[in-house]
Protein backbone atom coordinates (compact mmCIF):
# COMPACT_ATOMS: atom_id res chain seq x y z
CA UNK A 1 113.53 70.58 201.11
CA UNK A 2 111.22 69.52 203.91
CA UNK A 3 114.05 69.82 206.45
CA UNK A 4 114.88 73.28 205.19
CA UNK A 5 111.24 74.38 205.53
CA UNK A 6 111.17 73.06 209.07
CA UNK A 7 114.37 74.96 209.83
CA UNK A 8 112.83 78.20 208.54
CA UNK A 9 109.60 77.65 210.45
CA UNK A 10 111.47 76.99 213.70
CA UNK A 11 113.30 80.29 213.62
CA UNK A 12 112.40 82.01 216.89
CA UNK A 13 113.52 84.69 219.28
CA UNK A 14 116.27 82.49 220.74
CA UNK A 15 117.89 82.02 217.33
CA UNK A 16 117.60 85.72 216.56
CA UNK A 17 119.18 86.57 219.92
CA UNK A 18 122.02 84.12 219.30
CA UNK A 19 122.65 85.65 215.88
CA UNK A 20 122.65 89.16 217.34
CA UNK A 21 125.19 88.20 220.01
CA UNK A 22 127.36 86.48 217.41
CA UNK A 23 127.28 89.54 215.14
CA UNK A 24 128.24 91.83 218.02
CA UNK A 25 131.15 89.58 219.01
CA UNK A 26 132.38 89.37 215.42
CA UNK A 27 132.14 93.15 215.11
CA UNK A 28 134.13 93.58 218.35
CA UNK A 29 136.89 91.20 217.28
CA UNK A 30 137.01 92.78 213.81
CA UNK A 31 137.38 96.30 215.21
CA UNK A 32 139.98 95.16 217.74
CA UNK A 33 142.12 93.28 215.20
CA UNK A 34 141.86 96.12 212.69
CA UNK A 35 143.14 98.47 215.38
CA UNK A 36 146.00 96.05 216.05
CA UNK A 37 146.55 95.61 212.30
CA UNK A 38 146.56 91.85 212.69
CA UNK A 39 145.01 91.13 209.32
CA UNK A 40 146.12 87.50 209.09
CA UNK A 41 144.35 86.55 212.30
CA UNK A 42 141.30 88.49 211.12
CA UNK A 43 141.17 86.42 207.91
CA UNK A 44 141.51 83.21 209.93
CA UNK A 45 138.61 84.22 212.18
CA UNK A 46 136.37 85.06 209.21
CA UNK A 47 137.13 81.70 207.58
CA UNK A 48 136.47 79.92 210.87
CA UNK A 49 133.15 81.72 211.37
CA UNK A 50 132.09 80.96 207.79
CA UNK A 51 132.83 77.25 208.24
CA UNK A 52 131.12 77.16 211.63
CA UNK A 53 127.95 78.85 210.32
CA UNK A 54 127.84 76.56 207.29
CA UNK A 55 128.17 73.41 209.41
CA UNK A 56 125.59 74.66 211.93
CA UNK A 57 123.05 75.36 209.16
CA UNK A 58 123.56 71.91 207.63
CA UNK A 59 123.22 70.30 211.06
CA UNK A 60 119.90 72.11 211.64
CA UNK A 61 118.58 71.32 208.17
CA UNK A 62 119.44 67.62 208.46
CA UNK A 63 118.33 67.52 212.11
CA UNK A 64 121.75 66.49 213.30
CA UNK A 65 122.21 63.61 210.83
CA UNK A 66 125.20 65.26 209.11
CA UNK A 67 128.34 67.01 210.41
CA UNK A 68 127.43 66.43 214.03
CA UNK A 69 131.03 65.56 214.97
CA UNK A 70 132.28 68.55 213.02
CA UNK A 71 130.06 71.02 214.85
CA UNK A 72 131.11 69.55 218.22
CA UNK A 73 134.78 70.02 217.28
CA UNK A 74 134.08 73.57 216.16
CA UNK A 75 132.52 74.38 219.53
CA UNK A 76 135.60 73.11 221.38
CA UNK A 77 137.85 75.04 219.00
CA UNK A 78 135.85 78.20 219.73
CA UNK A 79 136.56 77.78 223.44
CA UNK A 80 140.25 77.22 222.66
CA UNK A 81 140.43 80.36 220.50
CA UNK A 82 138.82 82.44 223.24
CA UNK A 83 141.41 81.29 225.79
CA UNK A 84 144.26 81.87 223.33
CA UNK A 85 142.96 85.36 222.56
CA UNK A 86 142.88 86.29 226.25
CA UNK A 87 146.45 85.04 226.71
CA UNK A 88 147.91 86.78 223.64
CA UNK A 89 146.16 90.09 224.29
CA UNK A 90 146.27 89.99 228.08
CA UNK A 91 147.98 93.40 228.23
CA UNK A 92 145.22 95.01 226.16
CA UNK A 93 142.50 93.42 228.27
CA UNK A 94 144.22 94.62 231.43
CA UNK A 95 144.35 98.15 230.03
CA UNK A 96 140.68 97.94 229.03
CA UNK A 97 139.57 96.90 232.53
CA UNK A 98 141.77 99.63 234.01
CA UNK A 99 140.00 102.23 231.88
CA UNK A 100 136.59 100.86 232.84
CA UNK A 101 137.41 100.96 236.54
CA UNK A 102 138.88 104.48 236.64
CA UNK A 103 137.59 107.83 235.56
CA UNK A 104 139.28 109.28 232.54
CA UNK A 105 138.56 112.95 232.65
CA UNK A 106 139.94 116.26 233.82
CA UNK A 107 137.97 116.52 237.06
CA UNK A 108 140.54 114.96 239.38
CA UNK A 109 143.47 116.38 237.45
CA UNK A 110 142.11 119.85 236.86
CA UNK A 111 144.72 122.59 236.37
CA UNK A 112 144.35 126.31 236.52
CA UNK A 113 143.27 127.95 233.29
CA UNK A 114 146.31 128.49 231.08
CA UNK A 115 146.57 131.57 228.93
CA UNK A 116 148.01 131.51 225.43
CA UNK A 117 151.22 133.03 226.79
CA UNK A 118 151.43 130.19 229.33
CA UNK A 119 151.02 127.59 226.60
CA UNK A 120 153.60 129.33 224.43
CA UNK A 121 156.04 129.38 227.34
CA UNK A 122 155.41 125.69 228.00
CA UNK A 123 156.12 124.93 224.35
CA UNK A 124 159.42 126.78 224.48
CA UNK A 125 160.48 125.03 227.67
CA UNK A 126 159.66 121.57 226.28
CA UNK A 127 161.59 122.29 223.07
CA UNK A 128 164.55 123.65 225.03
CA UNK A 129 164.66 120.56 227.25
CA UNK A 130 164.41 118.09 224.36
CA UNK A 131 167.27 119.81 222.54
CA UNK A 132 169.53 119.53 225.58
CA UNK A 133 168.51 115.90 226.20
CA UNK A 134 169.07 115.08 222.53
CA UNK A 135 172.59 116.52 222.52
CA UNK A 136 173.44 114.49 225.61
CA UNK A 137 171.84 111.28 224.23
CA UNK A 138 169.55 111.16 227.24
CA UNK A 139 166.35 109.21 226.74
CA UNK A 140 163.07 110.97 227.46
CA UNK A 141 159.34 110.50 226.99
CA UNK A 142 156.92 113.42 227.38
CA UNK A 143 153.14 113.15 226.98
CA UNK A 144 151.35 116.43 226.26
CA UNK A 145 147.61 116.45 227.01
CA UNK A 146 145.48 119.36 225.89
CA UNK A 147 142.20 117.46 226.27
CA UNK A 148 141.23 114.64 228.64
CA UNK A 149 143.97 113.27 230.86
CA UNK A 150 144.32 109.46 231.03
CA UNK A 151 144.01 109.18 234.80
CA UNK A 152 144.92 105.49 234.89
CA UNK A 153 148.34 106.53 233.52
CA UNK A 154 148.87 109.53 235.80
CA UNK A 155 148.15 107.43 238.87
CA UNK A 156 151.10 105.13 238.07
CA UNK A 157 153.60 107.98 238.50
CA UNK A 158 154.68 110.51 241.10
CA UNK A 159 152.51 113.63 241.29
CA UNK A 160 154.41 116.89 240.83
CA UNK A 161 151.89 119.61 239.85
CA UNK A 162 154.57 122.13 238.91
CA UNK A 163 154.91 124.59 236.05
CA UNK A 164 156.68 123.26 232.96
CA UNK A 165 160.32 124.29 232.77
CA UNK A 166 163.34 122.97 230.90
CA UNK A 167 165.33 122.66 234.12
CA UNK A 168 162.70 120.44 235.74
CA UNK A 169 162.38 118.22 232.68
CA UNK A 170 166.14 117.84 232.36
CA UNK A 171 166.46 116.91 236.03
CA UNK A 172 163.64 114.35 235.77
CA UNK A 173 165.27 112.56 232.85
CA UNK A 174 168.74 112.68 234.33
CA UNK A 175 169.92 109.06 234.44
CA UNK A 176 170.55 109.38 238.17
CA UNK A 177 166.97 110.45 238.83
CA UNK A 178 164.63 107.74 240.16
CA UNK A 179 161.92 108.98 237.73
CA UNK A 180 163.94 108.96 234.52
CA UNK A 181 162.67 105.59 233.24
CA UNK A 182 159.01 106.60 233.11
CA UNK A 183 157.06 109.21 231.19
CA UNK A 184 156.25 112.79 232.13
CA UNK A 185 152.59 113.77 231.71
CA UNK A 186 151.94 117.45 231.00
CA UNK A 187 148.53 119.11 231.05
CA UNK A 188 148.53 122.64 229.59
CA UNK A 189 151.55 124.28 231.28
CA UNK A 190 151.61 121.96 234.30
CA UNK A 191 153.65 118.82 234.84
CA UNK A 192 151.09 116.54 236.45
CA UNK A 193 153.31 113.53 237.14
CA UNK A 194 156.63 111.88 236.29
CA UNK A 195 157.77 108.28 236.21
CA UNK A 196 154.46 107.18 234.69
CA UNK A 197 154.01 103.79 233.01
CA UNK A 198 152.36 103.79 229.58
CA UNK A 199 150.63 100.98 227.69
CA UNK A 200 152.84 99.44 225.00
CA UNK A 201 151.58 99.15 221.45
CA UNK A 202 151.15 95.64 220.08
CA UNK A 203 151.93 96.63 216.49
CA UNK A 204 154.33 94.27 214.73
CA UNK A 205 155.18 96.53 211.77
CA UNK A 206 157.47 98.92 213.63
CA UNK A 207 161.12 99.55 212.87
CA UNK A 208 163.71 97.65 214.87
CA UNK A 209 165.07 101.02 215.93
CA UNK A 210 162.01 101.47 218.13
CA UNK A 211 162.55 100.30 221.68
CA UNK A 212 160.28 100.22 224.70
CA UNK A 213 160.19 104.01 224.98
CA UNK A 214 158.94 104.42 221.41
CA UNK A 215 156.43 101.59 221.76
CA UNK A 216 155.06 103.26 224.89
CA UNK A 217 154.82 106.60 223.06
CA UNK A 218 152.79 104.93 220.32
CA UNK A 219 150.67 102.95 222.78
CA UNK A 220 149.40 106.00 224.67
CA UNK A 221 148.38 107.78 221.45
CA UNK A 222 146.36 104.70 220.47
CA UNK A 223 144.31 105.11 223.63
CA UNK A 224 144.14 108.88 224.14
CA UNK A 225 144.20 112.08 222.08
CA UNK A 226 147.66 113.16 223.20
CA UNK A 227 151.02 114.06 221.70
CA UNK A 228 154.10 112.07 222.70
CA UNK A 229 157.61 113.47 222.42
CA UNK A 230 160.42 110.89 222.44
CA UNK A 231 164.17 111.38 222.71
CA UNK A 232 166.16 108.28 221.77
CA UNK A 233 168.77 107.25 224.29
CA UNK A 234 170.86 105.48 221.63
CA UNK A 235 170.87 108.11 218.88
CA UNK A 236 169.50 111.29 220.41
CA UNK A 237 166.87 111.48 217.64
CA UNK A 238 163.77 113.45 218.63
CA UNK A 239 160.44 112.00 217.45
CA UNK A 240 156.79 112.79 218.01
CA UNK A 241 153.80 110.45 217.95
CA UNK A 242 150.19 111.54 217.46
CA UNK A 243 146.89 110.50 215.86
CA UNK A 244 146.82 106.90 217.08
CA UNK A 245 150.39 105.93 216.25
CA UNK A 246 151.50 108.38 213.54
CA UNK A 247 155.27 108.74 214.04
CA UNK A 248 157.40 111.64 212.84
CA UNK A 249 161.15 111.36 213.37
CA UNK A 250 164.15 113.69 213.15
CA UNK A 251 162.29 116.63 214.64
CA UNK A 252 164.17 119.92 214.59
CA UNK A 253 163.41 122.58 217.19
CA UNK A 254 161.29 124.47 214.63
CA UNK A 255 159.24 121.43 213.63
CA UNK A 256 158.80 120.36 217.24
CA UNK A 257 157.60 123.85 218.13
CA UNK A 258 155.00 123.70 215.35
CA UNK A 259 153.75 120.29 216.48
CA UNK A 260 153.46 121.38 220.10
CA UNK A 261 151.70 124.59 219.15
CA UNK A 262 149.23 122.60 217.09
CA UNK A 263 148.69 120.16 219.97
CA UNK A 264 148.09 123.09 222.32
CA UNK A 265 145.81 124.76 219.80
CA UNK A 266 147.94 127.83 219.15
CA UNK A 267 149.85 129.10 216.14
CA UNK A 268 151.88 132.12 215.18
CA UNK A 269 150.19 134.41 212.66
CA UNK A 270 152.47 137.34 213.10
CA UNK A 271 155.54 138.44 214.97
CA UNK A 272 153.72 139.14 218.22
CA UNK A 273 150.37 137.54 217.48
CA UNK A 274 149.08 134.17 218.54
CA UNK A 275 145.77 132.62 217.56
CA UNK A 276 143.80 129.64 218.77
CA UNK A 277 143.00 126.70 216.55
CA UNK A 278 139.29 125.98 216.55
């Protein structure tokens, strides 16, 4: 009891600061692993932290007479876990540093104001192109940005700055085109760039039918508020991805039109009427 009272009396600013840093780190890792849906690793980390805190408290109470070796081992294991985390999630850390080092806004990639008719025309052209690509079993990946443009992604491709048209999209994704392997980034009714590289999702619960193209489509929606349109090269199936990895497959031209209109913020309310979503 005397050791415990001494431990309480010796609580100072340094201990409070250490606890605050530890809580922030635990919160960061928890949020990150929840985003990655790696629940097993999250449970392991919580058990590890609980054991480490328990041993540290007993060491302080007993003034280092108990569990000293155990706390030393825990400190080395913490260093090992940190290195392992950086290795396993190196792609995510690279993407994080890329976002911190580049601006992610519309200033550099500003486009001329698009009217509702322009957005409607862009929607029709995208749908027309995906239908042709689907029939020909030609793989495609289109990223539609109505809000902020992920500049770190656009900079990996070839700048085009041309109006959206089915002919252009079909020519880009032609297997003989040098840009067909990457993604096309569209802002309003303008094709900003083609041949762009997207971050791949690290989710491990995806169907085996999903290849690199689908994983890239999911990965970009996890990092930005965009809509991804994917045409499978193997099956010709058209899919869309939105809302941080929500996948909808077997998109017909009507359903794809509705999704694009919603992404653009427009919707039909009558034969010749179009309204904006708020």
